[in-house]
Amino acid sequence: MPASALAGQLRRMRAVPDEIAGEGWDLVIAVDAGSAPVGATGGQDSTAVGPVGREAEVDFVLQISRFPWVEDPAGWLAGVVAAADEAGFRGIALMDHLIQIPQVGRAWEPIPEPWVTLGMIAGLNPDLRVGTLVSPVTLRSPGVLAKTVATLDALSGGRAFCGLGIGWWEREHRAFGLDFPTPAARYRQLEVTIETMKALWAKGTRPYSGRLVDLPETTCYPRPVADVPIVVGGGGERTALRIAARFADACNLRADADTLARKIAVLHRHCAEVGRPAGEVAVTVLDLPVVGTDRDDVARRVERLRGRTAAAAFAARHSAGTAAQQIVRYRALADLGVSTVFVSLPDLAGPDDLAVFGPIPAAFC
């Protein structure tokens, strides 16, 4: 069965109980979904998708990293956005780079300015959330970024989010005439950026004097429709997670089960130190899965994608498996406290490549 059809049937199941109640059956037995099996594990090839309990709800946001749109950028993007919505993704995230990064493609491949592109995406779909993962605070002045994000939120009806990080690639900074200061200076700039954005998004136009920022006025219209979630990207335990605990609405970490529990514990410790409930800072992860229809399909995809990369090195960055196997893994992440998974599919070339992922979001509805 095509993955898109299966995803549609799974979504349809939510309306079935109410319909059954009106059909006049002598006996209807309700099965507790929370006790049902999740699906195949290990080396099994089954793509059966079992239900996932309510306590394990996870949102999936598609991060688009590559743009092989050839001669039709707008058409390619529209197709991918429509397919992402059909597959059950709740939002679209874009990387924020000036040159395509070597982990994804070649330097001469297109990598569009994200906030301009997100404006188009917001117009293509009225439901998907839109934002960056993540914007280096070194690329734009804090006030200009605040204005940009506020405009996107106003135009999209309150669907914007903003991922922020300190940046890491010196080459793109030098190529575009931008300073690339020390890590300590960039972390300070991250705090300055968050404080500036919140000051400019607050009510009124009064002068602002804060911990790191002084503004003679806070005139920034349009204001965001709603509170724009700020996601701090980076798992640095001494600084990045401390900043997330103090100022952000969420942090973004690697989907690495071996270290994730420790990172979350450190985040919660930082929250306690600043007197903030740990639940106020959502935990999100960036995942780069390879998803296939069965074991052989997964193996073919891995071999095609890894090229000359050693198998062990490729496996360290990507989790490969069927949809059922990925659901088991995402359930484990949810049990650790992950609320949103940003999914960057390394083999996303066009709309048709999203269908194989469709059963996964449907299992977490």
Protein backbone atom coordinates (compact mmCIF):
# COMPACT_ATOMS: atom_id res chain seq x y z
CA MET A 1 0.00 0.00 0.00
CA PRO A 2 1.40 3.48 -0.80
CA ALA A 3 2.61 5.26 2.31
CA SER A 4 0.46 8.31 1.56
CA ALA A 5 -2.67 6.13 1.41
CA LEU A 6 -1.77 4.42 4.68
CA ALA A 7 -1.16 7.76 6.37
CA GLY A 8 -4.56 8.99 5.20
CA GLN A 9 -6.28 5.88 6.57
CA LEU A 10 -4.56 6.27 9.93
CA ARG A 11 -5.67 9.90 10.17
CA ARG A 12 -9.19 8.81 9.18
CA MET A 13 -9.31 6.44 12.17
CA ARG A 14 -9.74 9.37 14.55
CA ALA A 15 -13.27 9.97 13.23
CA VAL A 16 -14.32 6.30 13.21
CA PRO A 17 -15.33 5.87 16.92
CA ASP A 18 -18.00 8.57 16.68
CA GLU A 19 -19.36 7.08 13.46
CA ILE A 20 -19.50 3.57 14.94
CA ALA A 21 -21.55 4.83 17.88
CA GLY A 22 -24.34 5.80 15.49
CA GLU A 23 -24.40 2.61 13.41
CA GLY A 24 -26.51 0.45 15.73
CA TRP A 25 -24.06 -2.33 16.60
CA ASP A 26 -25.10 -4.74 19.39
CA LEU A 27 -21.62 -4.70 20.90
CA VAL A 28 -18.58 -2.49 20.37
CA ILE A 29 -15.33 -3.42 22.11
CA ALA A 30 -12.87 -0.54 22.58
CA VAL A 31 -9.19 -1.55 22.61
CA ASP A 32 -6.77 0.49 24.72
CA ALA A 33 -4.32 1.90 22.16
CA GLY A 34 -1.72 2.52 24.83
CA SER A 35 -1.23 -1.22 25.38
CA ALA A 36 -0.95 -2.18 21.72
CA PRO A 37 2.39 -3.13 20.16
CA VAL A 38 4.29 -0.37 18.43
CA GLY A 39 5.61 -2.31 15.46
CA ALA A 40 8.63 -4.14 14.13
CA THR A 41 12.05 -3.84 15.69
CA GLY A 42 15.56 -5.05 15.04
CA GLY A 43 16.16 -6.66 11.68
CA GLN A 44 12.50 -7.35 10.85
CA ASP A 45 11.22 -6.02 7.53
CA SER A 46 7.61 -5.43 8.58
CA THR A 47 6.27 -1.95 7.86
CA ALA A 48 3.20 -2.43 10.04
CA VAL A 49 2.57 0.62 12.17
CA GLY A 50 0.93 0.14 15.54
CA PRO A 51 -0.75 2.92 17.53
CA VAL A 52 1.21 5.04 19.95
CA GLY A 53 -0.29 6.16 23.24
CA ARG A 54 -1.32 9.76 23.83
CA GLU A 55 1.48 10.25 26.31
CA ALA A 56 3.96 9.80 23.44
CA GLU A 57 2.70 12.55 21.12
CA VAL A 58 5.46 14.04 19.02
CA ASP A 59 5.32 16.72 16.33
CA PHE A 60 7.40 16.30 13.19
CA VAL A 61 8.77 19.31 11.32
CA LEU A 62 10.46 18.86 7.95
CA GLN A 63 13.81 20.59 7.63
CA ILE A 64 14.58 21.23 3.97
CA SER A 65 18.34 21.24 3.51
CA ARG A 66 18.77 20.65 -0.23
CA PHE A 67 17.07 22.49 -3.09
CA PRO A 68 17.53 20.51 -6.35
CA TRP A 69 14.87 22.57 -8.06
CA VAL A 70 16.63 22.83 -11.48
CA GLU A 71 14.72 25.47 -13.49
CA ASP A 72 11.51 25.67 -11.44
CA PRO A 73 12.30 26.83 -7.87
CA ALA A 74 8.75 27.88 -7.03
CA GLY A 75 7.15 24.75 -8.47
CA TRP A 76 9.60 22.42 -6.73
CA LEU A 77 9.08 24.14 -3.40
CA ALA A 78 5.29 24.14 -3.75
CA GLY A 79 5.34 20.42 -4.48
CA VAL A 80 7.51 19.60 -1.47
CA VAL A 81 5.40 21.73 0.88
CA ALA A 82 2.17 20.08 -0.30
CA ALA A 83 3.70 16.61 0.08
CA ALA A 84 4.99 17.47 3.57
CA ASP A 85 1.50 18.48 4.65
CA GLU A 86 0.06 15.28 3.17
CA ALA A 87 2.67 13.19 4.98
CA GLY A 88 1.66 14.66 8.33
CA PHE A 89 4.44 17.14 9.05
CA ARG A 90 3.38 20.03 11.28
CA GLY A 91 5.85 22.57 9.97
CA ILE A 92 8.70 23.47 7.65
CA ALA A 93 12.14 24.55 8.84
CA LEU A 94 14.98 25.86 6.69
CA MET A 95 18.69 25.94 7.36
CA ASP A 96 20.16 29.44 7.46
CA HIS A 97 23.37 29.46 5.43
CA LEU A 98 24.84 31.68 2.74
CA ILE A 99 26.67 28.83 1.01
CA GLN A 100 25.52 25.21 0.87
CA ILE A 101 27.33 23.33 3.62
CA PRO A 102 29.64 20.40 2.76
CA GLN A 103 27.66 17.98 4.95
CA VAL A 104 24.70 18.40 2.57
CA GLY A 105 25.96 19.28 -0.90
CA ARG A 106 28.37 21.24 -3.04
CA ALA A 107 29.10 24.93 -2.63
CA TRP A 108 27.57 25.88 -5.99
CA GLU A 109 24.23 24.21 -5.25
CA PRO A 110 21.36 26.60 -4.39
CA ILE A 111 20.71 27.52 -0.76
CA PRO A 112 18.05 30.26 -0.66
CA GLU A 113 17.79 33.04 1.92
CA PRO A 114 15.50 31.37 4.45
CA TRP A 115 13.24 34.16 5.65
CA VAL A 116 12.31 35.20 2.12
CA THR A 117 11.64 31.56 1.28
CA LEU A 118 9.59 31.00 4.44
CA GLY A 119 7.35 33.88 3.43
CA MET A 120 6.52 32.01 0.23
CA ILE A 121 5.99 28.75 2.12
CA ALA A 122 3.62 30.44 4.57
CA GLY A 123 1.56 31.62 1.60
CA LEU A 124 1.51 28.15 0.05
CA ASN A 125 0.02 26.44 3.10
CA PRO A 126 -2.25 27.97 5.76
CA ASP A 127 -1.49 25.42 8.49
CA LEU A 128 2.21 24.58 8.59
CA ARG A 129 4.46 26.33 11.09
CA VAL A 130 7.46 28.04 9.53
CA GLY A 131 10.90 28.99 10.83
CA THR A 132 14.64 28.40 10.78
CA LEU A 133 16.81 25.76 12.36
CA VAL A 134 18.87 27.68 13.03
CA SER A 135 19.76 31.29 12.22
CA PRO A 136 23.33 32.23 13.20
CA VAL A 137 23.21 35.44 15.22
CA THR A 138 26.30 36.59 13.31
CA LEU A 139 24.48 36.96 9.97
CA ARG A 140 22.04 39.76 10.85
CA SER A 141 21.77 42.49 13.41
CA PRO A 142 19.42 41.57 16.28
CA GLY A 143 16.94 44.33 15.51
CA VAL A 144 16.69 43.49 11.81
CA LEU A 145 16.15 39.83 12.63
CA ALA A 146 13.44 40.78 15.14
CA LYS A 147 11.69 42.82 12.44
CA THR A 148 11.98 39.97 9.92
CA VAL A 149 10.53 37.34 12.23
CA ALA A 150 7.73 39.62 13.44
CA THR A 151 6.71 40.31 9.83
CA LEU A 152 6.63 36.59 8.99
CA ASP A 153 4.53 35.88 12.08
CA ALA A 154 2.07 38.64 11.22
CA LEU A 155 1.71 37.50 7.61
CA SER A 156 1.35 33.83 8.56
CA GLY A 157 -1.20 34.40 11.30
CA GLY A 158 1.07 33.45 14.19
CA ARG A 159 2.85 30.41 12.72
CA ALA A 160 6.48 31.57 12.92
CA PHE A 161 9.23 30.16 15.11
CA CYS A 162 12.85 31.22 15.28
CA GLY A 163 15.80 28.93 15.81
CA LEU A 164 18.98 30.70 16.91
CA GLY A 165 22.60 29.58 17.20
CA ILE A 166 26.09 31.03 17.33
CA GLY A 167 27.13 29.90 13.84
CA TRP A 168 30.08 27.66 13.07
CA TRP A 169 31.20 28.10 9.45
CA GLU A 170 33.82 30.80 9.10
CA ARG A 171 34.06 30.44 5.33
CA GLU A 172 30.58 31.82 4.59
CA HIS A 173 31.15 34.77 6.92
CA ARG A 174 34.38 35.74 5.20
CA ALA A 175 32.89 35.24 1.74
CA PHE A 176 30.07 37.69 2.49
CA GLY A 177 32.17 40.24 4.36
CA LEU A 178 30.88 39.35 7.82
CA ASP A 179 32.84 39.21 11.06
CA PHE A 180 33.31 35.84 12.70
CA PRO A 181 34.26 36.54 16.33
CA THR A 182 35.34 34.11 19.03
CA PRO A 183 32.88 31.55 20.44
CA ALA A 184 32.60 33.55 23.67
CA ALA A 185 31.67 36.68 21.73
CA ARG A 186 29.15 34.74 19.65
CA TYR A 187 27.49 33.31 22.73
CA ARG A 188 27.19 36.84 24.12
CA GLN A 189 25.67 37.89 20.79
CA LEU A 190 23.14 35.07 21.14
CA GLU A 191 22.00 36.50 24.48
CA VAL A 192 21.92 40.02 23.04
CA THR A 193 19.82 38.84 20.10
CA ILE A 194 17.23 37.09 22.26
CA GLU A 195 16.96 40.06 24.62
CA THR A 196 16.62 42.49 21.71
CA MET A 197 13.94 40.43 20.01
CA LYS A 198 11.85 40.14 23.16
CA ALA A 199 12.20 43.87 23.84
CA LEU A 200 11.07 44.81 20.34
CA TRP A 201 8.17 42.36 20.43
CA ALA A 202 6.82 43.61 23.77
CA LYS A 203 3.93 46.05 24.07
CA GLY A 204 4.45 49.77 23.73
CA THR A 205 7.28 51.85 22.31
CA ARG A 206 9.05 52.85 25.49
CA PRO A 207 12.83 52.96 25.89
CA TYR A 208 14.32 49.66 26.99
CA SER A 209 17.22 49.13 29.35
CA GLY A 210 18.04 45.53 30.15
CA ARG A 211 20.85 43.24 31.20
CA LEU A 212 22.83 43.49 27.94
CA VAL A 213 20.72 45.73 25.73
CA ASP A 214 19.78 49.42 25.76
CA LEU A 215 17.33 50.74 23.14
CA PRO A 216 16.09 54.35 22.93
CA GLU A 217 12.70 53.07 21.71
CA THR A 218 10.97 49.79 20.92
CA THR A 219 8.98 50.74 17.83
CA CYS A 220 8.60 47.52 15.84
CA TYR A 221 5.41 47.16 13.85
CA PRO A 222 3.87 44.85 12.90
CA ARG A 223 4.27 43.00 16.14
CA PRO A 224 4.06 39.20 16.18
CA VAL A 225 0.53 37.86 16.32
CA ALA A 226 1.49 35.48 19.12
CA ASP A 227 4.51 34.67 21.23
CA VAL A 228 7.10 33.49 18.71
CA PRO A 229 8.87 30.38 20.05
CA ILE A 230 12.64 30.86 20.26
CA VAL A 231 14.62 27.64 19.87
CA VAL A 232 18.28 27.66 20.88
CA GLY A 233 20.30 25.19 18.85
CA GLY A 234 23.36 23.58 20.39
CA GLY A 235 24.13 21.04 23.03
CA GLY A 236 26.99 22.77 24.82
CA GLU A 237 26.39 21.91 28.44
CA ARG A 238 28.06 24.91 30.06
CA THR A 239 26.82 27.72 27.85
CA ALA A 240 24.28 26.81 25.14
CA LEU A 241 21.98 24.88 27.46
CA ARG A 242 22.35 27.55 30.15
CA ILE A 243 21.21 30.22 27.68
CA ALA A 244 18.32 28.02 26.58
CA ALA A 245 17.26 27.48 30.18
CA ARG A 246 17.34 31.19 30.97
CA PHE A 247 15.91 32.75 27.80
CA ALA A 248 14.49 30.27 25.26
CA ASP A 249 11.22 28.44 24.73
CA ALA A 250 12.99 25.32 23.47
CA CYS A 251 16.39 23.82 22.85
CA ASN A 252 17.44 21.74 19.89
CA LEU A 253 19.77 18.78 20.35
CA ARG A 254 21.09 15.92 18.28
CA ALA A 255 18.83 12.86 18.19
CA ASP A 256 21.55 10.81 19.84
CA ALA A 257 20.00 8.46 22.38
CA ASP A 258 23.39 7.81 23.97
CA THR A 259 23.84 11.44 25.05
CA LEU A 260 20.33 12.89 24.94
CA ALA A 261 19.31 11.89 28.47
CA ARG A 262 22.42 13.57 29.89
CA LYS A 263 21.82 16.74 27.88
CA ILE A 264 18.24 16.94 29.10
CA ALA A 265 19.37 16.45 32.69
CA VAL A 266 21.86 19.31 32.30
CA LEU A 267 19.15 21.53 30.80
CA HIS A 268 16.86 20.82 33.74
CA ARG A 269 19.68 21.57 36.17
CA HIS A 270 20.22 24.95 34.51
CA CYS A 271 16.48 25.61 34.71
CA ALA A 272 16.52 24.90 38.44
CA GLU A 273 19.47 27.22 38.93
CA VAL A 274 17.60 30.15 37.33
CA GLY A 275 14.34 29.30 39.08
CA ARG A 276 12.47 28.25 35.96
CA PRO A 277 10.23 25.15 35.69
CA ALA A 278 11.91 22.61 33.42
CA GLY A 279 8.67 22.10 31.53
CA GLU A 280 8.83 25.65 30.19
CA VAL A 281 11.74 24.74 27.90
CA ALA A 282 10.68 22.18 25.30
CA VAL A 283 13.18 19.61 24.08
CA THR A 284 13.48 19.22 20.32
CA VAL A 285 15.92 17.20 18.26
CA LEU A 286 17.35 17.30 14.75
CA ASP A 287 17.26 13.88 13.10
CA LEU A 288 18.70 12.74 9.77
CA PRO A 289 16.94 9.41 9.16
CA VAL A 290 17.11 7.14 6.15
CA VAL A 291 13.66 5.59 5.77
CA GLY A 292 12.91 2.71 3.43
CA THR A 293 9.94 0.50 2.65
CA ASP A 294 11.71 -2.70 3.69
CA ARG A 295 15.14 -3.94 4.68
CA ASP A 296 16.45 -4.19 1.12
CA ASP A 297 15.17 -0.73 0.26
CA VAL A 298 16.86 0.70 3.35
CA ALA A 299 20.16 -0.95 2.37
CA ARG A 300 19.95 0.42 -1.17
CA ARG A 301 19.29 3.93 0.08
CA VAL A 302 22.19 3.80 2.52
CA GLU A 303 24.65 2.60 -0.10
CA ARG A 304 23.53 5.27 -2.55
CA LEU A 305 23.75 8.07 0.01
CA ARG A 306 26.99 7.25 1.75
CA GLY A 307 29.15 7.14 -1.39
CA ARG A 308 32.76 6.99 -0.22
CA THR A 309 31.88 7.69 3.40
CA ALA A 310 32.80 4.85 5.72
CA ALA A 311 29.80 2.87 6.90
CA ALA A 312 30.54 3.58 10.56
CA ALA A 313 30.84 7.32 9.92
CA PHE A 314 27.58 7.36 7.97
CA ALA A 315 25.81 5.39 10.70
CA ALA A 316 26.99 7.90 13.30
CA ARG A 317 25.00 10.64 11.54
CA HIS A 318 22.01 8.73 10.20
CA SER A 319 19.59 6.19 11.64
CA ALA A 320 18.43 3.85 8.89
CA GLY A 321 15.34 1.67 9.02
CA THR A 322 11.76 1.11 7.93
CA ALA A 323 8.96 3.38 9.10
CA ALA A 324 8.04 0.86 11.79
CA GLN A 325 11.59 0.78 13.11
CA GLN A 326 11.80 4.57 13.12
CA ILE A 327 8.55 4.75 15.11
CA VAL A 328 10.10 2.59 17.82
CA ARG A 329 13.08 4.95 17.96
CA TYR A 330 10.93 8.07 18.07
CA ARG A 331 8.83 6.53 20.84
CA ALA A 332 12.03 6.15 22.86
CA LEU A 333 12.88 9.83 22.23
CA ALA A 334 9.39 10.82 23.34
CA ASP A 335 9.85 8.84 26.54
CA LEU A 336 12.94 10.96 27.23
CA GLY A 337 10.89 14.13 26.90
CA VAL A 338 11.30 15.10 23.23
CA SER A 339 8.27 17.01 21.94
CA THR A 340 9.33 17.86 18.38
CA VAL A 341 11.55 16.10 15.87
CA PHE A 342 13.03 18.20 13.08
CA VAL A 343 13.50 15.72 10.24
CA SER A 344 16.12 16.31 7.56
CA LEU A 345 15.84 13.54 4.98
CA PRO A 346 19.21 13.12 3.22
CA ASP A 347 17.54 11.66 0.11
CA LEU A 348 14.85 14.32 -0.30
CA ALA A 349 14.96 15.26 -3.99
CA GLY A 350 11.31 16.04 -4.58
CA PRO A 351 7.71 15.60 -3.36
CA ASP A 352 7.53 11.87 -4.04
CA ASP A 353 10.34 11.19 -1.55
CA LEU A 354 8.17 12.21 1.40
CA ALA A 355 5.54 9.48 1.03
CA VAL A 356 7.71 6.84 2.71
CA PHE A 357 7.79 8.94 5.90
CA GLY A 358 4.00 9.35 6.03
CA PRO A 359 3.16 6.47 8.39
CA ILE A 360 5.41 7.91 11.10
CA PRO A 361 3.60 11.17 11.97
CA ALA A 362 0.27 9.36 11.62
CA ALA A 363 1.30 6.92 14.36
CA PHE A 364 1.85 9.79 16.81
CA CYS A 365 -1.41 11.66 16.23
